[in-house]
Amino acid sequence: MEPSKFERAKVGAMMGGTVGLCIGLVFGGFSLMRNGPGTRGYVNTLAQTMISSTATFAFFMAIGSVIRSEEAEAIDYVSMNQNRHKSIWGGTMRFTAPPIVILQQQKEQQQQV
């Protein structure tokens, strides 16, 4: 069973939060070493940097996960595999047409029906 869009958004937010936390630690630590803590102190300055980068990355990754899941549902992989052939250069599979062209052809066929 496919996960719902909300579940995909949660997973994207968790991944983005993890990445944002690590990047906030790195950039916040670098900023503290370079510029000093200012009036708030070391811990508060680092915490604010980590929280803001975590929230930003989590938000954008959640949105990106939902958009990507909608895009993946629209692709007809069976017809895309029919447009593949073996290359004479080493036997790897290559498209006879770029995937975007295949998707445009599918949309045209759906509109004609």
PDB file of N, CA and C in Angstrom:
ATOM      1  N   MET A   1       0.845  -1.182   0.000  1.00  0.00           N
ATOM      2  CA  MET A   1       0.000   0.000   0.000  1.00  0.00           C
ATOM      3  C   MET A   1       0.885   1.237   0.000  1.00  0.00           C
ATOM      4  N   GLU A   2       0.517   2.190  -0.820  1.00  0.00           N
ATOM      5  CA  GLU A   2       1.278   3.428  -0.934  1.00  0.00           C
ATOM      6  C   GLU A   2       1.087   4.302   0.300  1.00  0.00           C
ATOM      7  N   PRO A   3       2.156   4.948   0.764  1.00  0.00           N
ATOM      8  CA  PRO A   3       1.983   5.876   1.880  1.00  0.00           C
ATOM      9  C   PRO A   3       1.203   7.111   1.433  1.00  0.00           C
ATOM     10  N   SER A   4       0.462   7.695   2.364  1.00  0.00           N
ATOM     11  CA  SER A   4      -0.324   8.879   2.028  1.00  0.00           C
ATOM     12  C   SER A   4       0.597  10.085   1.862  1.00  0.00           C
ATOM     13  N   LYS A   5       0.033  11.159   1.343  1.00  0.00           N
ATOM     14  CA  LYS A   5       0.824  12.374   1.143  1.00  0.00           C
ATOM     15  C   LYS A   5       1.277  12.959   2.474  1.00  0.00           C
ATOM     16  N   PHE A   6       0.420  12.819   3.492  1.00  0.00           N
ATOM     17  CA  PHE A   6       0.796  13.316   4.810  1.00  0.00           C
ATOM     18  C   PHE A   6       1.985  12.535   5.369  1.00  0.00           C
ATOM     19  N   GLU A   7       1.973  11.212   5.182  1.00  0.00           N
ATOM     20  CA  GLU A   7       3.097  10.393   5.651  1.00  0.00           C
ATOM     21  C   GLU A   7       4.374  10.733   4.894  1.00  0.00           C
ATOM     22  N   ARG A   8       4.251  10.969   3.598  1.00  0.00           N
ATOM     23  CA  ARG A   8       5.432  11.368   2.816  1.00  0.00           C
ATOM     24  C   ARG A   8       5.958  12.727   3.276  1.00  0.00           C
ATOM     25  N   ALA A   9       5.044  13.641   3.601  1.00  0.00           N
ATOM     26  CA  ALA A   9       5.461  14.955   4.103  1.00  0.00           C
ATOM     27  C   ALA A   9       6.163  14.809   5.445  1.00  0.00           C
ATOM     28  N   LYS A  10       5.656  13.900   6.308  1.00  0.00           N
ATOM     29  CA  LYS A  10       6.313  13.684   7.601  1.00  0.00           C
ATOM     30  C   LYS A  10       7.726  13.155   7.421  1.00  0.00           C
ATOM     31  N   VAL A  11       7.883  12.187   6.532  1.00  0.00           N
ATOM     32  CA  VAL A  11       9.209  11.617   6.299  1.00  0.00           C
ATOM     33  C   VAL A  11      10.144  12.673   5.714  1.00  0.00           C
ATOM     34  N   GLY A  12       9.637  13.463   4.780  1.00  0.00           N
ATOM     35  CA  GLY A  12      10.443  14.544   4.216  1.00  0.00           C
ATOM     36  C   GLY A  12      10.836  15.575   5.259  1.00  0.00           C
ATOM     37  N   ALA A  13       9.904  15.895   6.150  1.00  0.00           N
ATOM     38  CA  ALA A  13      10.209  16.855   7.211  1.00  0.00           C
ATOM     39  C   ALA A  13      11.252  16.300   8.180  1.00  0.00           C
ATOM     40  N   MET A  14      11.167  15.009   8.469  1.00  0.00           N
ATOM     41  CA  MET A  14      12.171  14.412   9.369  1.00  0.00           C
ATOM     42  C   MET A  14      13.557  14.405   8.717  1.00  0.00           C
ATOM     43  N   MET A  15      13.608  14.053   7.445  1.00  0.00           N
ATOM     44  CA  MET A  15      14.904  14.065   6.750  1.00  0.00           C
ATOM     45  C   MET A  15      15.460  15.481   6.676  1.00  0.00           C
ATOM     46  N   GLY A  16      14.601  16.432   6.310  1.00  0.00           N
ATOM     47  CA  GLY A  16      15.042  17.819   6.234  1.00  0.00           C
ATOM     48  C   GLY A  16      15.445  18.368   7.588  1.00  0.00           C
ATOM     49  N   GLY A  17      14.733  17.971   8.637  1.00  0.00           N
ATOM     50  CA  GLY A  17      15.092  18.412   9.983  1.00  0.00           C
ATOM     51  C   GLY A  17      16.444  17.884  10.414  1.00  0.00           C
ATOM     52  N   THR A  18      16.715  16.637  10.064  1.00  0.00           N
ATOM     53  CA  THR A  18      18.016  16.054  10.410  1.00  0.00           C
ATOM     54  C   THR A  18      19.150  16.767   9.687  1.00  0.00           C
ATOM     55  N   VAL A  19      18.952  16.988   8.397  1.00  0.00           N
ATOM     56  CA  VAL A  19      19.984  17.691   7.618  1.00  0.00           C
ATOM     57  C   VAL A  19      20.144  19.121   8.126  1.00  0.00           C
ATOM     58  N   GLY A  20      19.020  19.795   8.384  1.00  0.00           N
ATOM     59  CA  GLY A  20      19.076  21.168   8.873  1.00  0.00           C
ATOM     60  C   GLY A  20      19.760  21.281  10.223  1.00  0.00           C
ATOM     61  N   LEU A  21      19.534  20.298  11.086  1.00  0.00           N
ATOM     62  CA  LEU A  21      20.181  20.307  12.397  1.00  0.00           C
ATOM     63  C   LEU A  21      21.699  20.203  12.252  1.00  0.00           C
ATOM     64  N   CYS A  22      22.139  19.302  11.399  1.00  0.00           N
ATOM     65  CA  CYS A  22      23.588  19.132  11.186  1.00  0.00           C
ATOM     66  C   CYS A  22      24.203  20.365  10.546  1.00  0.00           C
ATOM     67  N   ILE A  23      23.530  20.918   9.552  1.00  0.00           N
ATOM     68  CA  ILE A  23      24.068  22.111   8.891  1.00  0.00           C
ATOM     69  C   ILE A  23      24.053  23.305   9.843  1.00  0.00           C
ATOM     70  N   GLY A  24      23.007  23.416  10.665  1.00  0.00           N
ATOM     71  CA  GLY A  24      22.961  24.486  11.654  1.00  0.00           C
ATOM     72  C   GLY A  24      24.095  24.386  12.655  1.00  0.00           C
ATOM     73  N   LEU A  25      24.433  23.154  13.052  1.00  0.00           N
ATOM     74  CA  LEU A  25      25.557  22.954  13.966  1.00  0.00           C
ATOM     75  C   LEU A  25      26.875  23.380  13.323  1.00  0.00           C
ATOM     76  N   VAL A  26      27.070  22.979  12.082  1.00  0.00           N
ATOM     77  CA  VAL A  26      28.325  23.311  11.391  1.00  0.00           C
ATOM     78  C   VAL A  26      28.439  24.813  11.162  1.00  0.00           C
ATOM     79  N   PHE A  27      27.409  25.401  10.524  1.00  0.00           N
ATOM     80  CA  PHE A  27      27.494  26.826  10.213  1.00  0.00           C
ATOM     81  C   PHE A  27      27.410  27.700  11.457  1.00  0.00           C
ATOM     82  N   GLY A  28      26.607  27.287  12.428  1.00  0.00           N
ATOM     83  CA  GLY A  28      26.529  28.046  13.677  1.00  0.00           C
ATOM     84  C   GLY A  28      27.836  27.995  14.443  1.00  0.00           C
ATOM     85  N   GLY A  29      28.461  26.818  14.496  1.00  0.00           N
ATOM     86  CA  GLY A  29      29.763  26.702  15.157  1.00  0.00           C
ATOM     87  C   GLY A  29      30.825  27.524  14.458  1.00  0.00           C
ATOM     88  N   PHE A  30      30.812  27.498  13.134  1.00  0.00           N
ATOM     89  CA  PHE A  30      31.777  28.300  12.378  1.00  0.00           C
ATOM     90  C   PHE A  30      31.557  29.787  12.621  1.00  0.00           C
ATOM     91  N   SER A  31      30.285  30.194  12.641  1.00  0.00           N
ATOM     92  CA  SER A  31      29.959  31.596  12.889  1.00  0.00           C
ATOM     93  C   SER A  31      30.390  32.023  14.297  1.00  0.00           C
ATOM     94  N   LEU A  32      30.198  31.139  15.265  1.00  0.00           N
ATOM     95  CA  LEU A  32      30.631  31.463  16.635  1.00  0.00           C
ATOM     96  C   LEU A  32      32.138  31.601  16.726  1.00  0.00           C
ATOM     97  N   MET A  33      32.861  30.710  16.062  1.00  0.00           N
ATOM     98  CA  MET A  33      34.328  30.805  16.100  1.00  0.00           C
ATOM     99  C   MET A  33      34.827  32.055  15.401  1.00  0.00           C
ATOM    100  N   ARG A  34      34.140  32.427  14.334  1.00  0.00           N
ATOM    101  CA  ARG A  34      34.609  33.565  13.551  1.00  0.00           C
ATOM    102  C   ARG A  34      34.195  34.904  14.152  1.00  0.00           C
ATOM    103  N   ASN A  35      32.920  35.014  14.577  1.00  0.00           N
ATOM    104  CA  ASN A  35      32.394  36.308  15.010  1.00  0.00           C
ATOM    105  C   ASN A  35      32.200  36.453  16.505  1.00  0.00           C
ATOM    106  N   GLY A  36      32.217  35.361  17.240  1.00  0.00           N
ATOM    107  CA  GLY A  36      31.963  35.426  18.672  1.00  0.00           C
ATOM    108  C   GLY A  36      30.472  35.311  18.962  1.00  0.00           C
ATOM    109  N   PRO A  37      30.132  35.180  20.236  1.00  0.00           N
ATOM    110  CA  PRO A  37      28.734  34.913  20.591  1.00  0.00           C
ATOM    111  C   PRO A  37      27.829  36.135  20.594  1.00  0.00           C
ATOM    112  N   GLY A  38      28.348  37.306  20.669  1.00  0.00           N
ATOM    113  CA  GLY A  38      27.499  38.495  20.767  1.00  0.00           C
ATOM    114  C   GLY A  38      26.947  38.637  22.171  1.00  0.00           C
ATOM    115  N   THR A  39      25.787  39.236  22.310  1.00  0.00           N
ATOM    116  CA  THR A  39      25.225  39.508  23.636  1.00  0.00           C
ATOM    117  C   THR A  39      24.423  38.329  24.180  1.00  0.00           C
ATOM    118  N   ARG A  40      24.052  37.346  23.340  1.00  0.00           N
ATOM    119  CA  ARG A  40      23.204  36.247  23.799  1.00  0.00           C
ATOM    120  C   ARG A  40      23.997  35.098  24.408  1.00  0.00           C
ATOM    121  N   GLY A  41      25.249  34.987  24.130  1.00  0.00           N
ATOM    122  CA  GLY A  41      26.037  33.873  24.641  1.00  0.00           C
ATOM    123  C   GLY A  41      26.176  32.770  23.593  1.00  0.00           C
ATOM    124  N   TYR A  42      27.062  31.822  23.902  1.00  0.00           N
ATOM    125  CA  TYR A  42      27.376  30.758  22.947  1.00  0.00           C
ATOM    126  C   TYR A  42      26.203  29.817  22.695  1.00  0.00           C
ATOM    127  N   VAL A  43      25.590  29.348  23.762  1.00  0.00           N
ATOM    128  CA  VAL A  43      24.556  28.328  23.626  1.00  0.00           C
ATOM    129  C   VAL A  43      23.324  28.884  22.910  1.00  0.00           C
ATOM    130  N   ASN A  44      22.876  30.069  23.297  1.00  0.00           N
ATOM    131  CA  ASN A  44      21.685  30.642  22.669  1.00  0.00           C
ATOM    132  C   ASN A  44      21.914  30.977  21.199  1.00  0.00           C
ATOM    133  N   THR A  45      23.089  31.469  20.881  1.00  0.00           N
ATOM    134  CA  THR A  45      23.393  31.789  19.484  1.00  0.00           C
ATOM    135  C   THR A  45      23.421  30.520  18.633  1.00  0.00           C
ATOM    136  N   LEU A  46      24.083  29.484  19.124  1.00  0.00           N
ATOM    137  CA  LEU A  46      24.152  28.225  18.387  1.00  0.00           C
ATOM    138  C   LEU A  46      22.770  27.585  18.285  1.00  0.00           C
ATOM    139  N   ALA A  47      21.990  27.630  19.358  1.00  0.00           N
ATOM    140  CA  ALA A  47      20.650  27.043  19.341  1.00  0.00           C
ATOM    141  C   ALA A  47      19.744  27.751  18.339  1.00  0.00           C
ATOM    142  N   GLN A  48      19.817  29.054  18.272  1.00  0.00           N
ATOM    143  CA  GLN A  48      18.978  29.790  17.325  1.00  0.00           C
ATOM    144  C   GLN A  48      19.349  29.446  15.886  1.00  0.00           C
ATOM    145  N   THR A  49      20.627  29.334  15.597  1.00  0.00           N
ATOM    146  CA  THR A  49      21.066  28.963  14.249  1.00  0.00           C
ATOM    147  C   THR A  49      20.594  27.563  13.897  1.00  0.00           C
ATOM    148  N   MET A  50      20.721  26.626  14.824  1.00  0.00           N
ATOM    149  CA  MET A  50      20.321  25.247  14.564  1.00  0.00           C
ATOM    150  C   MET A  50      18.804  25.139  14.381  1.00  0.00           C
ATOM    151  N   ILE A  51      18.042  25.824  15.202  1.00  0.00           N
ATOM    152  CA  ILE A  51      16.582  25.739  15.100  1.00  0.00           C
ATOM    153  C   ILE A  51      16.085  26.358  13.800  1.00  0.00           C
ATOM    154  N   SER A  52      16.642  27.503  13.428  1.00  0.00           N
ATOM    155  CA  SER A  52      16.168  28.150  12.201  1.00  0.00           C
ATOM    156  C   SER A  52      16.523  27.333  10.963  1.00  0.00           C
ATOM    157  N   SER A  53      17.717  26.749  10.914  1.00  0.00           N
ATOM    158  CA  SER A  53      18.067  25.930   9.754  1.00  0.00           C
ATOM    159  C   SER A  53      17.267  24.630   9.746  1.00  0.00           C
ATOM    160  N   THR A  54      16.980  24.063  10.914  1.00  0.00           N
ATOM    161  CA  THR A  54      16.162  22.854  10.985  1.00  0.00           C
ATOM    162  C   THR A  54      14.757  23.117  10.456  1.00  0.00           C
ATOM    163  N   ALA A  55      14.148  24.211  10.901  1.00  0.00           N
ATOM    164  CA  ALA A  55      12.793  24.530  10.457  1.00  0.00           C
ATOM    165  C   ALA A  55      12.744  24.793   8.951  1.00  0.00           C
ATOM    166  N   THR A  56      13.732  25.502   8.442  1.00  0.00           N
ATOM    167  CA  THR A  56      13.755  25.814   7.017  1.00  0.00           C
ATOM    168  C   THR A  56      13.903  24.560   6.171  1.00  0.00           C
ATOM    169  N   PHE A  57      14.883  23.716   6.487  1.00  0.00           N
ATOM    170  CA  PHE A  57      15.102  22.498   5.714  1.00  0.00           C
ATOM    171  C   PHE A  57      13.913  21.554   5.826  1.00  0.00           C
ATOM    172  N   ALA A  58      13.338  21.426   7.010  1.00  0.00           N
ATOM    173  CA  ALA A  58      12.200  20.524   7.198  1.00  0.00           C
ATOM    174  C   ALA A  58      11.008  20.990   6.367  1.00  0.00           C
ATOM    175  N   PHE A  59      10.743  22.269   6.363  1.00  0.00           N
ATOM    176  CA  PHE A  59       9.622  22.810   5.602  1.00  0.00           C
ATOM    177  C   PHE A  59       9.777  22.530   4.111  1.00  0.00           C
ATOM    178  N   PHE A  60      10.937  22.849   3.564  1.00  0.00           N
ATOM    179  CA  PHE A  60      11.125  22.677   2.128  1.00  0.00           C
ATOM    180  C   PHE A  60      11.211  21.210   1.720  1.00  0.00           C
ATOM    181  N   MET A  61      11.779  20.364   2.569  1.00  0.00           N
ATOM    182  CA  MET A  61      11.824  18.933   2.243  1.00  0.00           C
ATOM    183  C   MET A  61      10.441  18.303   2.313  1.00  0.00           C
ATOM    184  N   ALA A  62       9.589  18.751   3.230  1.00  0.00           N
ATOM    185  CA  ALA A  62       8.221  18.226   3.303  1.00  0.00           C
ATOM    186  C   ALA A  62       7.459  18.580   2.037  1.00  0.00           C
ATOM    187  N   ILE A  63       7.574  19.821   1.598  1.00  0.00           N
ATOM    188  CA  ILE A  63       6.906  20.240   0.368  1.00  0.00           C
ATOM    189  C   ILE A  63       7.466  19.476  -0.828  1.00  0.00           C
ATOM    190  N   GLY A  64       8.786  19.347  -0.887  1.00  0.00           N
ATOM    191  CA  GLY A  64       9.413  18.629  -1.998  1.00  0.00           C
ATOM    192  C   GLY A  64       9.021  17.169  -2.053  1.00  0.00           C
ATOM    193  N   SER A  65       8.845  16.541  -0.909  1.00  0.00           N
ATOM    194  CA  SER A  65       8.439  15.131  -0.872  1.00  0.00           C
ATOM    195  C   SER A  65       7.034  14.950  -1.422  1.00  0.00           C
ATOM    196  N   VAL A  66       6.135  15.859  -1.082  1.00  0.00           N
ATOM    197  CA  VAL A  66       4.764  15.760  -1.585  1.00  0.00           C
ATOM    198  C   VAL A  66       4.734  16.017  -3.086  1.00  0.00           C
ATOM    199  N   ILE A  67       5.456  17.016  -3.544  1.00  0.00           N
ATOM    200  CA  ILE A  67       5.486  17.311  -4.978  1.00  0.00           C
ATOM    201  C   ILE A  67       6.074  16.142  -5.749  1.00  0.00           C
ATOM    202  N   ARG A  68       7.134  15.571  -5.239  1.00  0.00           N
ATOM    203  CA  ARG A  68       7.763  14.449  -5.930  1.00  0.00           C
ATOM    204  C   ARG A  68       6.854  13.224  -5.940  1.00  0.00           C
ATOM    205  N   SER A  69       6.092  12.995  -4.878  1.00  0.00           N
ATOM    206  CA  SER A  69       5.192  11.844  -4.846  1.00  0.00           C
ATOM    207  C   SER A  69       4.057  12.018  -5.847  1.00  0.00           C
ATOM    208  N   GLU A  70       3.555  13.235  -6.021  1.00  0.00           N
ATOM    209  CA  GLU A  70       2.515  13.473  -7.018  1.00  0.00           C
ATOM    210  C   GLU A  70       3.058  13.266  -8.420  1.00  0.00           C
ATOM    211  N   GLU A  71       4.288  13.671  -8.632  1.00  0.00           N
ATOM    212  CA  GLU A  71       4.916  13.516  -9.943  1.00  0.00           C
ATOM    213  C   GLU A  71       5.157  12.046 -10.262  1.00  0.00           C
ATOM    214  N   ALA A  72       5.551  11.268  -9.265  1.00  0.00           N
ATOM    215  CA  ALA A  72       5.840   9.853  -9.484  1.00  0.00           C
ATOM    216  C   ALA A  72       4.571   9.075  -9.785  1.00  0.00           C
ATOM    217  N   GLU A  73       3.427   9.488  -9.232  1.00  0.00           N
ATOM    218  CA  GLU A  73       2.179   8.795  -9.490  1.00  0.00           C
ATOM    219  C   GLU A  73       1.720   8.992 -10.925  1.00  0.00           C
ATOM    220  N   ALA A  74       2.080  10.110 -11.533  1.00  0.00           N
ATOM    221  CA  ALA A  74       1.601  10.424 -12.878  1.00  0.00           C
ATOM    222  C   ALA A  74       2.392   9.720 -13.978  1.00  0.00           C
ATOM    223  N   ILE A  75       3.552   9.173 -13.661  1.00  0.00           N
ATOM    224  CA  ILE A  75       4.400   8.571 -14.678  1.00  0.00           C
ATOM    225  C   ILE A  75       3.952   7.144 -14.950  1.00  0.00           C
ATOM    226  N   ASP A  76       3.802   6.813 -16.207  1.00  0.00           N
ATOM    227  CA  ASP A  76       3.449   5.464 -16.623  1.00  0.00           C
ATOM    228  C   ASP A  76       4.745   4.745 -16.988  1.00  0.00           C
ATOM    229  N   TYR A  77       5.254   3.942 -16.063  1.00  0.00           N
ATOM    230  CA  TYR A  77       6.554   3.314 -16.267  1.00  0.00           C
ATOM    231  C   TYR A  77       6.522   2.208 -17.317  1.00  0.00           C
ATOM    232  N   VAL A  78       5.369   1.605 -17.543  1.00  0.00           N
ATOM    233  CA  VAL A  78       5.284   0.527 -18.528  1.00  0.00           C
ATOM    234  C   VAL A  78       5.575   1.067 -19.918  1.00  0.00           C
ATOM    235  N   SER A  79       4.931   2.167 -20.285  1.00  0.00           N
ATOM    236  CA  SER A  79       5.178   2.714 -21.619  1.00  0.00           C
ATOM    237  C   SER A  79       6.576   3.308 -21.726  1.00  0.00           C
ATOM    238  N   MET A  80       7.137   3.768 -20.601  1.00  0.00           N
ATOM    239  CA  MET A  80       8.506   4.271 -20.666  1.00  0.00           C
ATOM    240  C   MET A  80       9.479   3.133 -20.933  1.00  0.00           C
ATOM    241  N   ASN A  81       9.226   1.953 -20.359  1.00  0.00           N
ATOM    242  CA  ASN A  81      10.100   0.815 -20.603  1.00  0.00           C
ATOM    243  C   ASN A  81       9.982   0.307 -22.030  1.00  0.00           C
ATOM    244  N   GLN A  82       8.847   0.513 -22.680  1.00  0.00           N
ATOM    245  CA  GLN A  82       8.709   0.112 -24.065  1.00  0.00           C
ATOM    246  C   GLN A  82       9.530   0.995 -24.982  1.00  0.00           C
ATOM    247  N   ASN A  83       9.857   2.192 -24.541  1.00  0.00           N
ATOM    248  CA  ASN A  83      10.642   3.115 -25.350  1.00  0.00           C
ATOM    249  C   ASN A  83      12.132   3.007 -25.066  1.00  0.00           C
ATOM    250  N   ARG A  84      12.563   1.894 -24.518  1.00  0.00           N
ATOM    251  CA  ARG A  84      13.984   1.676 -24.246  1.00  0.00           C
ATOM    252  C   ARG A  84      14.528   0.644 -25.219  1.00  0.00           C
ATOM    253  N   HIS A  85      15.788   0.706 -25.441  1.00  0.00           N
ATOM    254  CA  HIS A  85      16.446  -0.325 -26.243  1.00  0.00           C
ATOM    255  C   HIS A  85      17.860  -0.510 -25.737  1.00  0.00           C
ATOM    256  N   LYS A  86      18.459  -1.617 -26.125  1.00  0.00           N
ATOM    257  CA  LYS A  86      19.839  -1.867 -25.706  1.00  0.00           C
ATOM    258  C   LYS A  86      20.780  -1.079 -26.594  1.00  0.00           C
ATOM    259  N   SER A  87      21.734  -0.459 -25.962  1.00  0.00           N
ATOM    260  CA  SER A  87      22.703   0.313 -26.705  1.00  0.00           C
ATOM    261  C   SER A  87      23.759  -0.616 -27.287  1.00  0.00           C
ATOM    262  N   ILE A  88      24.297  -0.230 -28.418  1.00  0.00           N
ATOM    263  CA  ILE A  88      25.376  -1.036 -29.000  1.00  0.00           C
ATOM    264  C   ILE A  88      26.688  -0.782 -28.268  1.00  0.00           C
ATOM    265  N   TRP A  89      26.705   0.233 -27.442  1.00  0.00           N
ATOM    266  CA  TRP A  89      27.918   0.576 -26.698  1.00  0.00           C
ATOM    267  C   TRP A  89      27.842  -0.002 -25.299  1.00  0.00           C
ATOM    268  N   GLY A  90      28.025  -1.280 -25.147  1.00  0.00           N
ATOM    269  CA  GLY A  90      28.151  -1.872 -23.826  1.00  0.00           C
ATOM    270  C   GLY A  90      26.896  -2.505 -23.269  1.00  0.00           C
ATOM    271  N   GLY A  91      25.763  -2.434 -23.941  1.00  0.00           N
ATOM    272  CA  GLY A  91      24.575  -3.118 -23.482  1.00  0.00           C
ATOM    273  C   GLY A  91      23.785  -2.417 -22.396  1.00  0.00           C
ATOM    274  N   THR A  92      24.065  -1.153 -22.083  1.00  0.00           N
ATOM    275  CA  THR A  92      23.260  -0.456 -21.081  1.00  0.00           C
ATOM    276  C   THR A  92      21.945  -0.019 -21.709  1.00  0.00           C
ATOM    277  N   MET A  93      20.927   0.111 -20.872  1.00  0.00           N
ATOM    278  CA  MET A  93      19.613   0.513 -21.370  1.00  0.00           C
ATOM    279  C   MET A  93      19.576   2.028 -21.524  1.00  0.00           C
ATOM    280  N   ARG A  94      19.089   2.482 -22.651  1.00  0.00           N
ATOM    281  CA  ARG A  94      18.964   3.913 -22.898  1.00  0.00           C
ATOM    282  C   ARG A  94      17.598   4.197 -23.496  1.00  0.00           C
ATOM    283  N   PHE A  95      17.109   5.409 -23.277  1.00  0.00           N
ATOM    284  CA  PHE A  95      15.828   5.799 -23.847  1.00  0.00           C
ATOM    285  C   PHE A  95      16.002   6.128 -25.319  1.00  0.00           C
ATOM    286  N   THR A  96      14.998   5.746 -26.135  1.00  0.00           N
ATOM    287  CA  THR A  96      15.005   6.164 -27.530  1.00  0.00           C
ATOM    288  C   THR A  96      14.595   7.626 -27.641  1.00  0.00           C
ATOM    289  N   ALA A  97      13.822   8.102 -26.679  1.00  0.00           N
ATOM    290  CA  ALA A  97      13.420   9.498 -26.595  1.00  0.00           C
ATOM    291  C   ALA A  97      13.586   9.923 -25.141  1.00  0.00           C
ATOM    292  N   PRO A  98      13.861  11.199 -24.893  1.00  0.00           N
ATOM    293  CA  PRO A  98      13.980  11.658 -23.507  1.00  0.00           C
ATOM    294  C   PRO A  98      12.670  11.430 -22.757  1.00  0.00           C
ATOM    295  N   PRO A  99      12.732  11.162 -21.449  1.00  0.00           N
ATOM    296  CA  PRO A  99      11.510  10.897 -20.684  1.00  0.00           C
ATOM    297  C   PRO A  99      10.468  12.004 -20.764  1.00  0.00           C
ATOM    298  N   ILE A 100      10.895  13.256 -20.891  1.00  0.00           N
ATOM    299  CA  ILE A 100       9.926  14.355 -20.954  1.00  0.00           C
ATOM    300  C   ILE A 100       9.111  14.268 -22.237  1.00  0.00           C
ATOM    301  N   VAL A 101       9.735  13.822 -23.329  1.00  0.00           N
ATOM    302  CA  VAL A 101       9.019  13.655 -24.592  1.00  0.00           C
ATOM    303  C   VAL A 101       8.001  12.524 -24.462  1.00  0.00           C
ATOM    304  N   ILE A 102       8.387  11.457 -23.790  1.00  0.00           N
ATOM    305  CA  ILE A 102       7.477  10.330 -23.587  1.00  0.00           C
ATOM    306  C   ILE A 102       6.272  10.775 -22.775  1.00  0.00           C
ATOM    307  N   LEU A 103       6.495  11.572 -21.733  1.00  0.00           N
ATOM    308  CA  LEU A 103       5.388  12.064 -20.910  1.00  0.00           C
ATOM    309  C   LEU A 103       4.472  12.982 -21.716  1.00  0.00           C
ATOM    310  N   GLN A 104       5.048  13.812 -22.594  1.00  0.00           N
ATOM    311  CA  GLN A 104       4.220  14.671 -23.433  1.00  0.00           C
ATOM    312  C   GLN A 104       3.376  13.844 -24.394  1.00  0.00           C
ATOM    313  N   GLN A 105       3.950  12.783 -24.941  1.00  0.00           N
ATOM    314  CA  GLN A 105       3.197  11.904 -25.830  1.00  0.00           C
ATOM    315  C   GLN A 105       2.054  11.235 -25.078  1.00  0.00           C
ATOM    316  N   GLN A 106       2.304  10.826 -23.832  1.00  0.00           N
ATOM    317  CA  GLN A 106       1.250  10.206 -23.038  1.00  0.00           C
ATOM    318  C   GLN A 106       0.108  11.181 -22.781  1.00  0.00           C
ATOM    319  N   LYS A 107       0.426  12.433 -22.483  1.00  0.00           N
ATOM    320  CA  LYS A 107      -0.610  13.427 -22.245  1.00  0.00           C
ATOM    321  C   LYS A 107      -1.431  13.670 -23.501  1.00  0.00           C
ATOM    322  N   GLU A 108      -0.769  13.724 -24.646  1.00  0.00           N
ATOM    323  CA  GLU A 108      -1.490  13.920 -25.911  1.00  0.00           C
ATOM    324  C   GLU A 108      -2.429  12.756 -26.183  1.00  0.00           C
ATOM    325  N   GLN A 109      -1.970  11.523 -25.897  1.00  0.00           N
ATOM    326  CA  GLN A 109      -2.814  10.364 -26.111  1.00  0.00           C
ATOM    327  C   GLN A 109      -4.009  10.376 -25.171  1.00  0.00           C
ATOM    328  N   GLN A 110      -3.825  10.816 -23.934  1.00  0.00           N
ATOM    329  CA  GLN A 110      -4.924  10.881 -22.984  1.00  0.00           C
ATOM    330  C   GLN A 110      -5.944  11.932 -23.389  1.00  0.00           C
ATOM    331  N   GLN A 111      -5.485  13.043 -23.971  1.00  0.00           N
ATOM    332  CA  GLN A 111      -6.397  14.088 -24.394  1.00  0.00           C
ATOM    333  C   GLN A 111      -7.210  13.672 -25.607  1.00  0.00           C
ATOM    334  N   GLN A 112      -6.638  12.820 -26.457  1.00  0.00           N
ATOM    335  CA  GLN A 112      -7.350  12.350 -27.643  1.00  0.00           C
ATOM    336  C   GLN A 112      -8.447  11.366 -27.288  1.00  0.00           C
ATOM    337  N   VAL A 113      -8.279  10.649 -26.179  1.00  0.00           N
ATOM    338  CA  VAL A 113      -9.257   9.621 -25.784  1.00  0.00           C
ATOM    339  C   VAL A 113     -10.465  10.208 -25.151  1.00  0.00           C
TER     340      VAL A 113
END
